[in-house]
Amino acid sequence: HVRRPFSEAKMTKGTTSFGKRGHTKSHTLCTRCGRRAFHCQKGECASCGFPSKHLRHYGWGKKAIRRRTTGTGRMKNLRSVARRFRNGFRENQQAKSIKHGGKAAATTA
């Protein structure tokens, strides 16, 4: 077995060939989850399952479910639901006056 110099190394099936693969993108950005996981040819997101109406999640990926469950985002509405529930979901009411013994403040027209 004759050892060749490094400069004359033969082309292999592995490492050197993998460098020639990255010219075309198989996945692009998903409109639902925003990740680069939407398969262009399949037309399906590998992360969230878009365009399926149900979000993709599996029991074997418990950590993945935890990362995107309720409470990990803004919760713009749900954040205030617990407080509004305690107060009976009251809306469009005049605040009770503390000064006049709990009676609503009289409004003059």
C-alpha atoms as a PDB file:
ATOM      1  CA  HIS A   1       0.000   0.000   0.000  1.00  0.00           C
ATOM      2  CA  VAL A   2       1.523   3.267  -1.154  1.00  0.00           C
ATOM      3  CA  ARG A   3       0.572   6.339   0.831  1.00  0.00           C
ATOM      4  CA  ARG A   4      -0.266   9.330  -1.381  1.00  0.00           C
ATOM      5  CA  PRO A   5       0.601  12.915  -0.487  1.00  0.00           C
ATOM      6  CA  PHE A   6      -2.286  14.966   0.927  1.00  0.00           C
ATOM      7  CA  SER A   7      -2.557  17.125  -2.217  1.00  0.00           C
ATOM      8  CA  GLU A   8      -3.271  14.061  -4.368  1.00  0.00           C
ATOM      9  CA  ALA A   9      -6.111  12.821  -2.133  1.00  0.00           C
ATOM     10  CA  LYS A  10      -8.793  10.928  -4.024  1.00  0.00           C
ATOM     11  CA  MET A  11     -12.356  12.324  -4.148  1.00  0.00           C
ATOM     12  CA  THR A  12     -14.514  10.505  -1.610  1.00  0.00           C
ATOM     13  CA  LYS A  13     -18.218   9.866  -1.168  1.00  0.00           C
ATOM     14  CA  GLY A  14     -18.285  11.552   2.235  1.00  0.00           C
ATOM     15  CA  THR A  15     -17.030  14.847   3.633  1.00  0.00           C
ATOM     16  CA  THR A  16     -15.831  16.475   0.420  1.00  0.00           C
ATOM     17  CA  SER A  17     -19.028  15.615  -1.455  1.00  0.00           C
ATOM     18  CA  PHE A  18     -21.278  17.069   1.256  1.00  0.00           C
ATOM     19  CA  GLY A  19     -19.919  20.541   0.536  1.00  0.00           C
ATOM     20  CA  LYS A  20     -21.542  20.502  -2.896  1.00  0.00           C
ATOM     21  CA  ARG A  21     -25.056  20.014  -1.497  1.00  0.00           C
ATOM     22  CA  GLY A  22     -26.072  23.435  -0.171  1.00  0.00           C
ATOM     23  CA  HIS A  23     -27.008  25.246  -3.384  1.00  0.00           C
ATOM     24  CA  THR A  24     -30.759  24.708  -3.315  1.00  0.00           C
ATOM     25  CA  LYS A  25     -33.060  25.004  -0.310  1.00  0.00           C
ATOM     26  CA  SER A  26     -35.474  22.168   0.421  1.00  0.00           C
ATOM     27  CA  HIS A  27     -37.035  24.068   3.347  1.00  0.00           C
ATOM     28  CA  THR A  28     -38.185  27.682   3.500  1.00  0.00           C
ATOM     29  CA  LEU A  29     -39.882  29.858   6.149  1.00  0.00           C
ATOM     30  CA  CYS A  30     -43.267  28.683   7.444  1.00  0.00           C
ATOM     31  CA  THR A  31     -46.049  31.273   7.554  1.00  0.00           C
ATOM     32  CA  ARG A  32     -47.574  29.790  10.742  1.00  0.00           C
ATOM     33  CA  CYS A  33     -44.617  29.059  13.042  1.00  0.00           C
ATOM     34  CA  GLY A  34     -41.931  31.162  11.348  1.00  0.00           C
ATOM     35  CA  ARG A  35     -39.311  28.403  11.360  1.00  0.00           C
ATOM     36  CA  ARG A  36     -37.273  27.373   8.313  1.00  0.00           C
ATOM     37  CA  ALA A  37     -39.061  24.042   8.207  1.00  0.00           C
ATOM     38  CA  PHE A  38     -41.634  24.378   5.397  1.00  0.00           C
ATOM     39  CA  HIS A  39     -40.771  21.761   2.766  1.00  0.00           C
ATOM     40  CA  CYS A  40     -41.127  23.443  -0.626  1.00  0.00           C
ATOM     41  CA  GLN A  41     -41.956  20.316  -2.661  1.00  0.00           C
ATOM     42  CA  LYS A  42     -44.168  18.624  -0.067  1.00  0.00           C
ATOM     43  CA  GLY A  43     -45.856  21.903   0.846  1.00  0.00           C
ATOM     44  CA  GLU A  44     -45.858  20.920   4.512  1.00  0.00           C
ATOM     45  CA  CYS A  45     -44.065  22.291   7.564  1.00  0.00           C
ATOM     46  CA  ALA A  46     -41.839  19.793   9.374  1.00  0.00           C
ATOM     47  CA  SER A  47     -42.216  21.693  12.646  1.00  0.00           C
ATOM     48  CA  CYS A  48     -45.892  22.644  13.011  1.00  0.00           C
ATOM     49  CA  GLY A  49     -47.552  20.608  10.242  1.00  0.00           C
ATOM     50  CA  PHE A  50     -48.933  23.613   8.323  1.00  0.00           C
ATOM     51  CA  PRO A  51     -51.274  23.642   6.262  1.00  0.00           C
ATOM     52  CA  SER A  52     -52.958  21.052   8.518  1.00  0.00           C
ATOM     53  CA  LYS A  53     -55.394  22.747  10.889  1.00  0.00           C
ATOM     54  CA  HIS A  54     -54.069  20.775  13.866  1.00  0.00           C
ATOM     55  CA  LEU A  55     -50.670  21.706  15.262  1.00  0.00           C
ATOM     56  CA  ARG A  56     -48.101  18.928  14.831  1.00  0.00           C
ATOM     57  CA  HIS A  57     -47.025  17.442  18.187  1.00  0.00           C
ATOM     58  CA  TYR A  58     -46.022  13.989  19.362  1.00  0.00           C
ATOM     59  CA  GLY A  59     -45.762  12.370  22.774  1.00  0.00           C
ATOM     60  CA  TRP A  60     -42.120  11.413  22.140  1.00  0.00           C
ATOM     61  CA  GLY A  61     -41.282  15.124  21.917  1.00  0.00           C
ATOM     62  CA  LYS A  62     -42.397  16.322  25.341  1.00  0.00           C
ATOM     63  CA  LYS A  63     -39.759  19.070  25.472  1.00  0.00           C
ATOM     64  CA  ALA A  64     -40.820  20.363  22.059  1.00  0.00           C
ATOM     65  CA  ILE A  65     -44.443  20.589  23.263  1.00  0.00           C
ATOM     66  CA  ARG A  66     -43.287  22.475  26.370  1.00  0.00           C
ATOM     67  CA  ARG A  67     -41.412  25.009  24.254  1.00  0.00           C
ATOM     68  CA  ARG A  68     -44.494  26.107  22.351  1.00  0.00           C
ATOM     69  CA  THR A  69     -47.377  25.561  24.771  1.00  0.00           C
ATOM     70  CA  THR A  70     -49.667  28.180  26.328  1.00  0.00           C
ATOM     71  CA  GLY A  71     -47.701  30.602  28.462  1.00  0.00           C
ATOM     72  CA  THR A  72     -44.580  30.764  26.291  1.00  0.00           C
ATOM     73  CA  GLY A  73     -45.838  33.681  24.223  1.00  0.00           C
ATOM     74  CA  ARG A  74     -47.525  37.033  24.903  1.00  0.00           C
ATOM     75  CA  MET A  75     -50.916  35.668  26.037  1.00  0.00           C
ATOM     76  CA  LYS A  76     -52.403  39.091  25.223  1.00  0.00           C
ATOM     77  CA  ASN A  77     -55.947  38.043  26.190  1.00  0.00           C
ATOM     78  CA  LEU A  78     -55.449  35.038  28.475  1.00  0.00           C
ATOM     79  CA  ARG A  79     -53.155  36.991  30.803  1.00  0.00           C
ATOM     80  CA  SER A  80     -56.090  39.040  32.108  1.00  0.00           C
ATOM     81  CA  VAL A  81     -58.751  36.280  32.189  1.00  0.00           C
ATOM     82  CA  ALA A  82     -57.999  35.073  35.763  1.00  0.00           C
ATOM     83  CA  ARG A  83     -58.361  38.593  37.184  1.00  0.00           C
ATOM     84  CA  ARG A  84     -61.545  39.319  35.212  1.00  0.00           C
ATOM     85  CA  PHE A  85     -63.021  35.973  36.323  1.00  0.00           C
ATOM     86  CA  ARG A  86     -62.568  36.908  40.000  1.00  0.00           C
ATOM     87  CA  ASN A  87     -64.531  40.108  39.345  1.00  0.00           C
ATOM     88  CA  GLY A  88     -67.321  38.379  37.442  1.00  0.00           C
ATOM     89  CA  PHE A  89     -66.312  39.613  33.958  1.00  0.00           C
ATOM     90  CA  ARG A  90     -67.850  43.038  34.625  1.00  0.00           C
ATOM     91  CA  GLU A  91     -67.627  45.554  31.797  1.00  0.00           C
ATOM     92  CA  ASN A  92     -68.962  49.041  30.971  1.00  0.00           C
ATOM     93  CA  GLN A  93     -69.716  49.901  34.621  1.00  0.00           C
ATOM     94  CA  GLN A  94     -68.962  52.879  36.807  1.00  0.00           C
ATOM     95  CA  ALA A  95     -66.387  52.161  39.483  1.00  0.00           C
ATOM     96  CA  LYS A  96     -67.841  52.099  43.005  1.00  0.00           C
ATOM     97  CA  SER A  97     -66.933  55.182  45.015  1.00  0.00           C
ATOM     98  CA  ILE A  98     -64.995  54.462  48.192  1.00  0.00           C
ATOM     99  CA  LYS A  99     -65.687  58.002  49.458  1.00  0.00           C
ATOM    100  CA  HIS A 100     -69.512  57.664  49.472  1.00  0.00           C
ATOM    101  CA  GLY A 101     -69.835  54.313  51.236  1.00  0.00           C
ATOM    102  CA  GLY A 102     -69.816  51.991  48.215  1.00  0.00           C
ATOM    103  CA  LYS A 103     -72.488  53.843  46.217  1.00  0.00           C
ATOM    104  CA  ALA A 104     -71.809  54.483  42.557  1.00  0.00           C
ATOM    105  CA  ALA A 105     -70.727  57.987  41.751  1.00  0.00           C
ATOM    106  CA  ALA A 106     -73.704  60.024  40.530  1.00  0.00           C
ATOM    107  CA  THR A 107     -73.262  61.423  37.068  1.00  0.00           C
ATOM    108  CA  THR A 108     -74.918  64.715  36.193  1.00  0.00           C
ATOM    109  CA  ALA A 109     -76.163  65.075  32.651  1.00  0.00           C
END
